[in-house]
């Protein structure tokens, strides 16, 4: 009697199949691989990711301890590994949000409107160094920097010009600023109030991630604990007053740009997010009242599969940690929604047209990783802020992926790849090891004050630079396939006369405003800082009195003190 194949299949245990595959893989390596390497030796001794994770030669089902329901699930369902929306890009494409900002508010307003005309679907604002550090354009500290790497914003008047003819209730706006984030958010809300737009109609994001500044970028106003208090005030304010606004964009981008590995970027970013949630919950907020409006911001580097896996691991980690640690019940509290930006640090001044290829691969990784929003860097950004031509090529890169590549037709198309699932698990394991160490410190604020993430990132950056200089890792056009002649590409020049123009504009605002109202508004901010009152309403009142950004930040510095970065060796 012939055995029933269906019954044999039913009787076979999954462990038996895995063991059989494991044995067959061992024989394949002993026989086929050995013969092949005898004829063609391997190209190099070690095969590793950009972050130095060892990559196996072949992965099979035997290498995965995967439960589909537990670890993958369906798009839009816990643990969101496969995406936060049930239809993902079949229903709606990611927001194409190109970073823009330079010179005066009027110049940046012209760039904003150009990008919207070219098909961009959201605004992303870059500020100049003085604005990022909480100083006005007329400060001696600002000399030579006004409008150079972003737009100068000193008062509400600048915000009025910056968003002239832009409907705040129809276009979402992202503002990349951290130390003075509460001030710029206050300016934006004040602008909406002045235009008669209800606060619950405006949408967007303020980066507002003070922790990653202390870890990686170093644009702060006050020390970590008062900075966290101000961030918590803004989380509380947005939950109550501006429900469509993302109060913090928890940012791994700058952590990665500072030299971290993918696992470090993942771990420190998630740990920062957990710290913001902890502080808000300790404030007395219900986690489900504010967590749905926490967003994320990740780098997309060169190692294609490592980056795809990083996004998938991030969603799974955040969902599980929010559920287990904070008992979040609203599904949106568990969803890690993220903006992504291609890796600025990967761009090269040598052979700059190679950057177009790098950005295209990185953008594709972000899309296959399931991002909700994407900025693509321009080929000329190692030299200057991008020209209109370069930024258009960068935007068209996203549009070609969206409209021509076919990758948006199915959801999470790389799911089930043995390598992608293995890499997702591997990154999650490494990241969770870091998070457990941060827990041992008492949380991210304590870890930052003791310099732990800073040391880890510095060591990683040093190791990578050594590998590039030794030739162990290749950067095309830099340490391999070099050319003596470099192409002469057009670059954007910022006219230094804009500093004079901006300073004169600020002087005019100061001359026309009510000095008594200014003094009263600044005193109210100081009083709020010294008590437990939320500082955001007083900032908005100060914005309407045309107090400057520095005047408000100087109140913070006077009340809370200034941060001194700790030396690390």
Protein backbone atom coordinates (compact mmCIF):
# COMPACT_ATOMS: atom_id res chain seq x y z
CA UNK A 1 0.00 0.00 0.00
CA UNK A 2 1.40 3.40 -1.04
CA UNK A 3 1.80 5.94 1.74
CA UNK A 4 -0.42 9.00 1.59
CA UNK A 5 1.89 12.00 0.78
CA UNK A 6 -0.48 14.40 2.54
CA UNK A 7 -0.36 12.31 5.72
CA UNK A 8 3.43 12.07 5.55
CA UNK A 9 3.67 15.84 5.21
CA UNK A 10 1.32 16.34 8.15
CA UNK A 11 3.33 13.92 10.31
CA UNK A 12 6.65 15.61 9.50
CA UNK A 13 7.77 18.01 12.18
CA UNK A 14 9.14 21.46 11.19
CA UNK A 15 12.28 20.66 13.23
CA UNK A 16 12.90 17.64 10.99
CA UNK A 17 12.72 19.83 7.87
CA UNK A 18 15.13 22.35 9.37
CA UNK A 19 17.55 19.63 10.41
CA UNK A 20 17.44 18.14 6.91
CA UNK A 21 18.13 21.55 5.33
CA UNK A 22 20.93 22.17 7.82
CA UNK A 23 22.58 18.86 6.88
CA UNK A 24 22.18 19.57 3.17
CA UNK A 25 23.71 23.03 3.58
CA UNK A 26 26.69 21.52 5.40
CA UNK A 27 27.23 19.05 2.54
CA UNK A 28 26.87 21.87 0.00
CA UNK A 29 29.64 23.83 1.74
CA UNK A 30 31.91 20.78 2.02
CA UNK A 31 31.47 19.76 -1.60
CA UNK A 32 30.16 22.40 -4.00
CA UNK A 33 31.61 25.45 -2.27
CA UNK A 34 35.01 23.81 -1.76
CA UNK A 35 35.21 22.87 -5.45
CA UNK A 36 34.17 26.35 -6.53
CA UNK A 37 36.65 28.16 -4.30
CA UNK A 38 39.40 25.88 -5.55
CA UNK A 39 38.81 27.32 -9.03
CA UNK A 40 37.86 30.86 -7.98
CA UNK A 41 39.10 31.94 -4.53
CA UNK A 42 36.79 34.24 -2.57
CA UNK A 43 37.17 37.93 -3.31
CA UNK A 44 37.99 38.82 0.29
CA UNK A 45 38.54 37.23 3.69
CA UNK A 46 35.54 38.83 5.42
CA UNK A 47 32.11 39.62 4.08
CA UNK A 48 30.51 42.21 6.34
CA UNK A 49 27.85 44.91 6.23
CA UNK A 50 28.73 48.59 6.28
CA UNK A 51 28.30 48.37 10.06
CA UNK A 52 30.71 45.41 10.26
CA UNK A 53 28.18 42.65 10.89
CA UNK A 54 29.46 39.33 9.55
CA UNK A 55 27.29 38.19 6.62
CA UNK A 56 26.78 34.43 6.16
CA UNK A 57 27.41 33.00 2.71
CA UNK A 58 23.92 31.48 2.48
CA UNK A 59 20.82 31.54 4.62
CA UNK A 60 18.08 28.93 4.68
CA UNK A 61 14.93 28.25 6.75
CA UNK A 62 17.21 26.41 9.19
CA UNK A 63 18.79 29.75 10.14
CA UNK A 64 15.51 31.34 11.21
CA UNK A 65 13.53 30.79 14.35
CA UNK A 66 10.63 32.70 12.87
CA UNK A 67 6.97 32.64 13.76
CA UNK A 68 5.00 34.46 11.09
CA UNK A 69 2.23 35.59 13.41
CA UNK A 70 4.56 36.50 16.27
CA UNK A 71 7.37 38.22 14.36
CA UNK A 72 5.90 39.41 11.06
CA UNK A 73 2.13 39.55 11.08
CA UNK A 74 0.23 41.54 8.48
CA UNK A 75 0.74 45.15 7.38
CA UNK A 76 -1.10 47.49 9.70
CA UNK A 77 -1.19 44.88 12.48
CA UNK A 78 1.01 44.29 15.53
CA UNK A 79 4.02 44.07 15.56
CA UNK A 80 4.03 46.18 12.35
CA UNK A 81 7.18 44.54 10.96
CA UNK A 82 5.59 44.59 7.51
CA UNK A 83 4.42 48.21 7.68
CA UNK A 84 2.17 50.51 9.65
CA UNK A 85 -0.61 50.79 7.06
CA UNK A 86 -2.71 47.87 5.73
CA UNK A 87 -2.30 49.00 2.11
CA UNK A 88 1.05 50.84 2.38
CA UNK A 89 1.98 52.40 -0.99
CA UNK A 90 -0.91 50.74 -2.84
CA UNK A 91 -3.13 53.25 -1.03
CA UNK A 92 -0.87 56.26 -0.58
CA UNK A 93 2.73 56.97 -1.53
CA UNK A 94 5.23 58.22 1.00
CA UNK A 95 5.46 62.00 1.47
CA UNK A 96 8.22 63.43 -0.71
CA UNK A 97 9.63 66.04 1.64
CA UNK A 98 12.79 67.71 0.32
CA UNK A 99 14.85 69.62 2.87
CA UNK A 100 14.97 73.32 1.94
CA UNK A 101 16.16 76.51 3.53
CA UNK A 102 18.80 79.13 2.84
CA UNK A 103 19.36 82.85 3.02
CA UNK A 104 16.40 85.01 3.97
CA UNK A 105 12.86 83.85 4.62
CA UNK A 106 11.81 85.33 1.28
CA UNK A 107 14.41 83.31 -0.64
CA UNK A 108 13.37 80.09 1.10
CA UNK A 109 9.70 80.85 0.48
CA UNK A 110 10.49 80.98 -3.25
CA UNK A 111 12.24 77.56 -3.03
CA UNK A 112 9.28 76.14 -1.08
CA UNK A 113 6.83 77.22 -3.75
CA UNK A 114 9.10 75.91 -6.54
CA UNK A 115 9.27 72.47 -4.90
CA UNK A 116 5.50 72.33 -4.40
CA UNK A 117 5.06 73.17 -8.09
CA UNK A 118 7.43 70.29 -8.99
CA UNK A 119 5.29 67.73 -7.15
CA UNK A 120 6.74 67.76 -3.63
CA UNK A 121 4.03 66.85 -1.13
CA UNK A 122 5.33 68.33 2.13
CA UNK A 123 7.70 71.04 3.32
CA UNK A 124 10.89 70.47 5.31
CA UNK A 125 12.66 73.49 6.75
CA UNK A 126 16.41 73.82 7.28
CA UNK A 127 17.54 76.62 9.59
CA UNK A 128 20.90 78.40 9.72
CA UNK A 129 23.39 77.80 12.53
CA UNK A 130 22.46 80.87 14.60
CA UNK A 131 18.79 79.84 14.58
CA UNK A 132 19.70 76.24 15.44
CA UNK A 133 21.71 77.46 18.44
CA UNK A 134 19.13 79.99 19.67
CA UNK A 135 20.87 83.20 18.55
CA UNK A 136 19.54 86.11 16.50
CA UNK A 137 21.05 87.32 13.25
CA UNK A 138 22.41 90.46 14.95
CA UNK A 139 24.32 88.51 17.61
CA UNK A 140 28.13 88.72 17.41
CA UNK A 141 28.07 84.89 17.49
CA UNK A 142 26.15 84.89 14.18
CA UNK A 143 28.70 86.84 12.15
CA UNK A 144 29.34 85.12 8.81
CA UNK A 145 26.75 82.38 9.41
CA UNK A 146 23.43 84.12 8.76
CA UNK A 147 21.50 82.21 6.09
CA UNK A 148 24.51 80.15 5.06
CA UNK A 149 23.31 76.57 5.70
CA UNK A 150 19.64 77.23 6.21
CA UNK A 151 17.12 80.01 6.57
CA UNK A 152 17.48 82.69 9.23
CA UNK A 153 14.41 83.03 11.48
CA UNK A 154 14.55 85.59 14.27
CA UNK A 155 10.91 86.54 14.90
CA UNK A 156 7.32 85.82 13.94
CA UNK A 157 7.77 88.36 11.13
CA UNK A 158 10.25 85.99 9.48
CA UNK A 159 7.77 83.14 9.84
CA UNK A 160 5.10 85.26 8.16
CA UNK A 161 7.38 85.79 5.16
CA UNK A 162 8.67 82.20 5.11
CA UNK A 163 5.14 80.76 4.71
CA UNK A 164 3.66 83.52 2.59
CA UNK A 165 1.05 82.09 0.15
CA UNK A 166 1.44 78.63 1.68
CA UNK A 167 -1.79 77.23 3.19
CA UNK A 168 -0.85 75.95 6.64
CA UNK A 169 -4.05 73.90 6.89
CA UNK A 170 -3.35 72.05 3.62
CA UNK A 171 0.46 71.51 3.57
CA UNK A 172 2.29 69.70 6.36
CA UNK A 173 5.51 71.32 7.51
CA UNK A 174 8.57 69.74 9.12
CA UNK A 175 11.01 71.93 11.04
CA UNK A 176 14.47 70.52 11.68
CA UNK A 177 15.40 72.24 14.91
CA UNK A 178 16.06 70.94 18.41
CA UNK A 179 17.42 73.14 21.21
CA UNK A 180 15.09 76.06 20.39
CA UNK A 181 12.36 73.78 18.96
CA UNK A 182 9.69 74.98 21.39
CA UNK A 183 10.33 78.56 20.23
CA UNK A 184 9.95 77.76 16.51
CA UNK A 185 6.86 75.68 17.25
CA UNK A 186 5.50 78.67 19.15
CA UNK A 187 6.18 80.93 16.16
CA UNK A 188 4.34 78.51 13.84
CA UNK A 189 1.29 78.22 16.11
CA UNK A 190 1.25 82.01 16.52
CA UNK A 191 1.29 82.38 12.72
CA UNK A 192 -1.69 80.03 12.39
CA UNK A 193 -3.51 81.99 15.13
CA UNK A 194 -2.86 85.26 13.32
CA UNK A 195 -4.22 83.82 10.07
CA UNK A 196 -7.34 82.57 11.81
CA UNK A 197 -6.49 78.89 11.20
CA UNK A 198 -7.68 76.60 13.98
CA UNK A 199 -4.86 74.86 15.82
CA UNK A 200 -6.41 71.45 15.21
CA UNK A 201 -6.15 72.05 11.44
CA UNK A 202 -2.39 72.55 11.19
CA UNK A 203 -0.18 69.51 10.73
CA UNK A 204 3.51 68.85 10.69
CA UNK A 205 6.54 67.92 12.75
CA UNK A 206 9.11 69.69 14.86
CA UNK A 207 12.25 67.63 15.42
CA UNK A 208 12.57 68.67 19.07
CA UNK A 209 14.91 65.76 19.91
CA UNK A 210 17.21 67.17 22.58
CA UNK A 211 18.73 63.81 23.48
CA UNK A 212 20.29 63.12 20.10
CA UNK A 213 21.80 66.62 20.23
CA UNK A 214 23.72 65.73 23.39
CA UNK A 215 24.67 62.40 21.78
CA UNK A 216 25.57 63.43 18.25
CA UNK A 217 24.91 66.91 16.83
CA UNK A 218 25.61 69.31 19.71
CA UNK A 219 23.10 72.10 18.93
CA UNK A 220 21.67 72.67 22.39
CA UNK A 221 20.45 75.59 24.50
CA UNK A 222 20.27 74.23 28.08
CA UNK A 223 21.50 71.07 29.92
CA UNK A 224 19.79 67.68 29.44
CA UNK A 225 17.27 67.69 32.29
CA UNK A 226 15.79 71.16 31.73
CA UNK A 227 15.86 70.42 27.99
CA UNK A 228 13.77 67.31 28.68
CA UNK A 229 11.36 69.41 30.76
CA UNK A 230 10.82 71.80 27.80
CA UNK A 231 10.34 68.88 25.39
CA UNK A 232 7.78 67.36 27.77
CA UNK A 233 5.96 70.71 27.91
CA UNK A 234 5.71 70.69 24.10
CA UNK A 235 4.48 67.07 24.04
CA UNK A 236 1.76 67.97 26.54
CA UNK A 237 0.82 71.15 24.67
CA UNK A 238 0.56 69.42 21.29
CA UNK A 239 -1.54 66.58 22.73
CA UNK A 240 -4.02 69.13 24.08
CA UNK A 241 -3.91 71.92 21.49
CA UNK A 242 -2.38 70.77 18.18
CA UNK A 243 -3.50 67.15 17.75
CA UNK A 244 -2.26 66.79 14.14
CA UNK A 245 1.26 67.88 15.08
CA UNK A 246 4.14 65.43 15.69
CA UNK A 247 5.64 66.89 18.86
CA UNK A 248 8.97 65.04 18.60
CA UNK A 249 10.72 63.52 15.62
CA UNK A 250 12.97 61.03 17.38
CA UNK A 251 16.04 61.14 15.24
CA UNK A 252 18.57 58.44 14.47
CA UNK A 253 19.74 60.33 11.39
CA UNK A 254 22.32 62.47 13.16
CA UNK A 255 23.43 59.56 15.33
CA UNK A 256 24.27 57.64 12.15
CA UNK A 257 25.86 60.67 10.49
CA UNK A 258 28.13 60.99 13.54
CA UNK A 259 29.51 57.53 12.79
CA UNK A 260 27.30 54.97 14.55
CA UNK A 261 26.56 51.51 13.22
CA UNK A 262 23.06 50.60 12.06
CA UNK A 263 22.43 48.72 15.32
CA UNK A 264 23.61 51.70 17.40
CA UNK A 265 21.39 54.06 15.41
CA UNK A 266 18.47 51.73 15.98
CA UNK A 267 19.17 51.25 19.70
CA UNK A 268 19.93 54.82 20.69
CA UNK A 269 16.98 56.18 18.71
CA UNK A 270 14.51 53.75 20.25
CA UNK A 271 16.02 54.40 23.70
CA UNK A 272 15.59 58.17 23.18
CA UNK A 273 11.95 57.58 22.31
CA UNK A 274 11.40 55.47 25.41
CA UNK A 275 12.88 58.27 27.52
CA UNK A 276 10.49 60.87 26.10
CA UNK A 277 7.57 58.55 26.79
CA UNK A 278 8.80 57.92 30.35
CA UNK A 279 9.06 61.64 31.12
CA UNK A 280 5.62 62.37 29.66
CA UNK A 281 4.01 59.52 31.59
CA UNK A 282 5.70 60.73 34.78
CA UNK A 283 4.22 64.16 34.02
CA UNK A 284 0.81 62.48 34.34
CA UNK A 285 -0.09 62.13 30.66
CA UNK A 286 -1.85 59.01 29.42
CA UNK A 287 0.47 57.28 26.98
CA UNK A 288 -2.28 56.91 24.40
CA UNK A 289 -2.96 60.65 24.47
CA UNK A 290 0.46 61.62 23.10
CA UNK A 291 2.34 58.56 21.78
CA UNK A 292 0.39 58.43 18.48
CA UNK A 293 2.03 61.76 17.61
CA UNK A 294 5.63 60.73 18.24
CA UNK A 295 7.41 60.18 14.94
CA UNK A 296 10.87 58.97 13.96
CA UNK A 297 13.62 59.97 11.55
CA UNK A 298 16.21 57.46 10.29
CA UNK A 299 19.27 57.61 8.08
CA UNK A 300 19.45 55.41 4.97
CA UNK A 301 23.02 54.34 4.33
CA UNK A 302 24.72 52.37 1.58
CA UNK A 303 24.31 48.77 2.75
CA UNK A 304 21.02 48.01 1.04
CA UNK A 305 19.73 44.97 2.95
CA UNK A 306 21.03 46.18 6.31
CA UNK A 307 19.03 49.38 5.87
CA UNK A 308 15.84 47.61 4.79
CA UNK A 309 16.12 45.30 7.80
CA UNK A 310 16.75 48.25 10.14
CA UNK A 311 13.37 49.83 9.35
CA UNK A 312 11.57 46.52 9.82
CA UNK A 313 13.33 45.83 13.15
CA UNK A 314 12.59 49.37 14.36
CA UNK A 315 8.84 48.95 13.89
CA UNK A 316 8.80 45.61 15.67
CA UNK A 317 10.92 46.82 18.58
CA UNK A 318 8.90 49.99 19.16
CA UNK A 319 5.58 48.11 19.09
CA UNK A 320 6.72 45.50 21.58
CA UNK A 321 8.47 47.94 23.93
CA UNK A 322 5.54 50.37 24.01
CA UNK A 323 3.16 47.53 24.76
CA UNK A 324 5.32 45.81 27.36
CA UNK A 325 6.74 48.85 29.19
CA UNK A 326 3.91 51.38 29.01
CA UNK A 327 0.84 49.21 28.42
CA UNK A 328 -0.10 51.31 25.39
CA UNK A 329 -3.46 50.22 24.02
CA UNK A 330 -4.11 52.55 21.10
CA UNK A 331 -2.68 50.82 17.99
CA UNK A 332 -1.29 54.19 16.82
CA UNK A 333 0.79 54.37 20.00
CA UNK A 334 2.52 51.17 18.87
CA UNK A 335 3.17 52.26 15.29
CA UNK A 336 6.63 53.55 14.49
CA UNK A 337 6.00 56.09 11.73
CA UNK A 338 9.20 57.40 10.22
CA UNK A 339 10.73 59.96 7.92
CA UNK A 340 13.94 58.90 6.21
CA UNK A 341 16.79 60.76 4.58
CA UNK A 342 19.55 59.39 2.40
CA UNK A 343 22.98 59.45 4.03
CA UNK A 344 24.64 62.83 3.71
CA UNK A 345 27.86 61.38 5.10
CA UNK A 346 28.03 58.90 2.21
CA UNK A 347 28.19 61.66 -0.42
CA UNK A 348 31.63 62.34 -1.87
CA UNK A 349 33.23 65.48 -3.30
CA UNK A 350 35.28 63.19 -5.55
CA UNK A 351 33.30 62.20 -8.66
CA UNK A 352 30.11 63.87 -7.34
CA UNK A 353 27.88 62.37 -10.03
CA UNK A 354 28.42 59.01 -8.30
CA UNK A 355 26.20 60.48 -5.57
CA UNK A 356 23.16 60.15 -7.85
CA UNK A 357 23.62 56.36 -7.87
CA UNK A 358 24.19 56.25 -4.11
CA UNK A 359 21.07 58.28 -3.41
CA UNK A 360 18.94 56.14 -5.74
CA UNK A 361 19.98 52.91 -3.97
CA UNK A 362 19.46 54.45 -0.54
CA UNK A 363 16.04 55.82 -1.51
CA UNK A 364 15.00 52.40 -2.81
CA UNK A 365 16.09 50.83 0.50
CA UNK A 366 13.96 53.36 2.42
CA UNK A 367 10.92 52.55 0.29
CA UNK A 368 11.41 48.79 0.58
CA UNK A 369 11.91 49.34 4.30
CA UNK A 370 8.49 51.00 4.52
CA UNK A 371 9.18 54.69 5.23
CA UNK A 372 6.29 57.18 5.48
CA UNK A 373 8.28 60.18 4.28
CA UNK A 374 11.55 60.61 2.39
CA UNK A 375 14.16 63.23 1.59
CA UNK A 376 16.72 62.45 -1.10
CA UNK A 377 20.04 64.30 -0.94
CA UNK A 378 21.34 66.20 -3.93
CA UNK A 379 24.57 65.32 -5.73
CA UNK A 380 26.21 68.68 -4.91
CA UNK A 381 25.63 68.77 -1.14
CA UNK A 382 29.26 68.04 -0.27
CA UNK A 383 30.05 71.48 -1.74
CA UNK A 384 27.09 73.66 -0.83
CA UNK A 385 23.35 73.78 -0.41
CA UNK A 386 21.76 72.24 -3.52
CA UNK A 387 20.99 74.13 -6.70
CA UNK A 388 17.47 73.96 -8.14
CA UNK A 389 18.70 71.59 -10.86
CA UNK A 390 20.34 69.21 -8.34
CA UNK A 391 17.38 69.19 -5.97
CA UNK A 392 15.05 68.48 -8.90
CA UNK A 393 17.15 65.42 -9.86
CA UNK A 394 16.92 64.26 -6.23
CA UNK A 395 13.14 64.70 -6.21
CA UNK A 396 12.79 62.97 -9.60
CA UNK A 397 14.71 60.00 -8.12
CA UNK A 398 11.85 59.45 -5.67
CA UNK A 399 9.23 59.97 -8.36
CA UNK A 400 10.86 57.39 -10.66
CA UNK A 401 10.93 54.85 -7.83
CA UNK A 402 7.27 55.62 -7.10
CA UNK A 403 5.96 55.68 -10.66
CA UNK A 404 8.26 53.46 -12.76
CA UNK A 405 10.02 50.81 -10.66
CA UNK A 406 7.00 48.68 -9.71
CA UNK A 407 8.21 48.25 -6.12
CA UNK A 408 5.08 49.98 -4.77
CA UNK A 409 2.72 47.42 -6.28
CA UNK A 410 2.99 44.91 -3.43
CA UNK A 411 3.44 45.41 0.30
CA UNK A 412 6.79 44.61 1.93
CA UNK A 413 8.09 42.70 -1.10
CA UNK A 414 11.29 41.52 0.63
CA UNK A 415 9.48 39.79 3.50
CA UNK A 416 10.29 36.09 3.64
CA UNK A 417 13.76 36.57 2.21
CA UNK A 418 15.93 34.39 4.43
CA UNK A 419 18.63 37.06 4.41
CA UNK A 420 16.31 40.00 5.14
CA UNK A 421 14.56 38.17 7.98
CA UNK A 422 17.90 37.01 9.43
CA UNK A 423 19.28 40.56 9.24
CA UNK A 424 16.12 41.99 10.82
CA UNK A 425 16.49 39.59 13.74
CA UNK A 426 20.24 40.23 14.03
CA UNK A 427 19.86 44.00 14.20
CA UNK A 428 17.06 43.69 16.74
CA UNK A 429 19.23 41.46 18.95
CA UNK A 430 22.19 43.87 18.82
CA UNK A 431 19.97 46.89 19.46
CA UNK A 432 18.22 45.26 22.40
CA UNK A 433 21.63 44.51 23.98
CA UNK A 434 22.35 48.26 23.90
CA UNK A 435 18.91 49.12 25.29
CA UNK A 436 19.44 46.75 28.22
CA UNK A 437 22.75 48.51 28.99
CA UNK A 438 20.99 51.89 28.87
CA UNK A 439 18.33 50.54 31.23
CA UNK A 440 21.13 49.61 33.62
CA UNK A 441 22.24 53.26 33.62
CA UNK A 442 18.70 54.27 34.62
CA UNK A 443 17.58 55.48 31.20
CA UNK A 444 18.89 57.60 28.36
CA UNK A 445 19.32 60.87 30.28
CA UNK A 446 21.58 59.13 32.80
CA UNK A 447 23.45 57.34 29.99
CA UNK A 448 24.00 60.63 28.15
CA UNK A 449 25.20 62.41 31.28
CA UNK A 450 27.77 59.64 31.74
CA UNK A 451 28.84 59.74 28.08
CA UNK A 452 27.97 56.14 27.19
CA UNK A 453 26.35 56.57 23.74
CA UNK A 454 28.86 59.27 22.83
CA UNK A 455 31.77 56.89 23.46
CA UNK A 456 30.16 54.05 21.52
CA UNK A 457 29.53 56.25 18.47
CA UNK A 458 33.05 57.75 18.57
CA UNK A 459 34.60 54.28 18.65
CA UNK A 460 32.47 53.14 15.72
CA UNK A 461 33.32 56.23 13.66
CA UNK A 462 37.04 55.78 14.33
CA UNK A 463 36.92 52.11 13.34
CA UNK A 464 35.14 52.87 10.06
CA UNK A 465 37.60 55.62 9.15
CA UNK A 466 40.49 53.23 9.74
CA UNK A 467 38.85 50.66 7.46
CA UNK A 468 38.41 53.21 4.68
CA UNK A 469 41.96 54.50 4.96
CA UNK A 470 43.38 50.97 4.92
CA UNK A 471 41.25 50.02 1.90
CA UNK A 472 39.39 47.34 3.83
CA UNK A 473 36.17 49.15 2.95
CA UNK A 474 35.71 50.69 -0.48
CA UNK A 475 34.39 54.16 -1.27
CA UNK A 476 34.18 54.38 -5.05
CA UNK A 477 36.09 57.37 -6.36
CA UNK A 478 37.83 57.96 -3.01
CA UNK A 479 40.02 54.92 -2.27
CA UNK A 480 39.27 52.90 -5.42
CA UNK A 481 38.58 53.82 -9.06
CA UNK A 482 39.98 57.31 -8.44
CA UNK A 483 40.27 59.95 -11.16
CA UNK A 484 42.76 62.81 -11.24
CA UNK A 485 40.35 65.23 -12.89
CA UNK A 486 37.15 66.16 -11.11
CA UNK A 487 34.11 67.57 -12.90
CA UNK A 488 33.34 71.23 -12.36
CA UNK A 489 29.75 71.26 -11.16
CA UNK A 490 27.57 74.33 -10.56
CA UNK A 491 27.00 75.18 -6.90
CA UNK A 492 24.62 77.45 -5.05
CA UNK A 493 26.27 80.63 -3.79
CA UNK A 494 24.72 82.48 -0.87
CA UNK A 495 25.32 86.23 -1.21
CA UNK A 496 26.88 87.48 2.00
CA UNK A 497 24.83 90.67 1.68
CA UNK A 498 21.83 88.75 2.97
CA UNK A 499 23.26 89.05 6.49
CA UNK A 500 22.99 92.84 6.30
CA UNK A 501 19.47 92.53 4.89
CA UNK A 502 18.38 90.16 7.67
CA UNK A 503 19.93 92.28 10.43
CA UNK A 504 18.22 95.40 9.07
CA UNK A 505 14.89 93.55 8.92
CA UNK A 506 15.31 92.47 12.55
CA UNK A 507 16.17 96.03 13.62
CA UNK A 508 12.97 97.25 11.95
CA UNK A 509 10.88 94.69 13.88
CA UNK A 510 12.51 95.72 17.15
CA UNK A 511 11.88 99.40 16.44
CA UNK A 512 8.19 98.85 15.66
CA UNK A 513 7.19 96.47 18.46
CA UNK A 514 5.84 97.35 21.91
CA UNK A 515 8.78 97.11 24.32
CA UNK A 516 6.51 96.91 27.34
CA UNK A 517 4.69 93.93 25.84
CA UNK A 518 8.06 92.31 25.08
CA UNK A 519 9.30 92.70 28.65
CA UNK A 520 6.04 91.38 30.07
CA UNK A 521 6.06 88.35 27.74
CA UNK A 522 9.67 87.44 28.56
CA UNK A 523 8.98 87.75 32.29
CA UNK A 524 6.03 85.37 31.90
CA UNK A 525 8.31 82.80 30.24
CA UNK A 526 10.82 83.10 33.08
CA UNK A 527 8.05 82.63 35.64
CA UNK A 528 6.77 79.52 33.82
CA UNK A 529 10.30 78.09 33.72
CA UNK A 530 10.72 78.56 37.47
CA UNK A 531 7.42 76.85 38.24
CA UNK A 532 5.70 73.74 36.90
CA UNK A 533 3.50 75.65 34.45
CA UNK A 534 3.70 74.60 30.80
CA UNK A 535 5.99 77.05 29.03
CA UNK A 536 4.41 76.76 25.55
CA UNK A 537 1.49 79.22 26.01
CA UNK A 538 3.93 81.89 27.22
CA UNK A 539 6.21 81.29 24.21
CA UNK A 540 3.27 81.75 21.83
CA UNK A 541 2.30 84.99 23.58
CA UNK A 542 5.92 86.17 23.30
CA UNK A 543 5.93 85.31 19.59
CA UNK A 544 2.86 87.48 19.05
CA UNK A 545 4.65 90.33 20.86
CA UNK A 546 7.52 89.84 18.34
CA UNK A 547 10.04 88.72 20.93
CA UNK A 548 13.06 87.28 19.16
CA UNK A 549 14.23 83.70 19.28
CA UNK A 550 17.39 84.67 21.18
CA UNK A 551 15.48 86.74 23.73
CA UNK A 552 13.36 83.69 24.54
CA UNK A 553 16.33 81.29 24.53
CA UNK A 554 18.29 83.68 26.75
CA UNK A 555 15.50 83.35 29.32
CA UNK A 556 16.00 79.57 29.18
CA UNK A 557 19.76 80.01 29.58
CA UNK A 558 19.35 82.44 32.49
CA UNK A 559 16.91 80.19 34.38
CA UNK A 560 18.29 76.74 33.55
CA UNK A 561 21.97 77.43 32.87
CA UNK A 562 24.07 76.41 29.86
CA UNK A 563 25.31 72.97 28.93
CA UNK A 564 29.01 72.17 28.94
CA UNK A 565 29.85 69.13 26.85
CA UNK A 566 31.89 66.54 28.74
CA UNK A 567 35.29 65.61 27.26
CA UNK A 568 35.58 62.03 26.00
CA UNK A 569 38.78 60.16 25.25
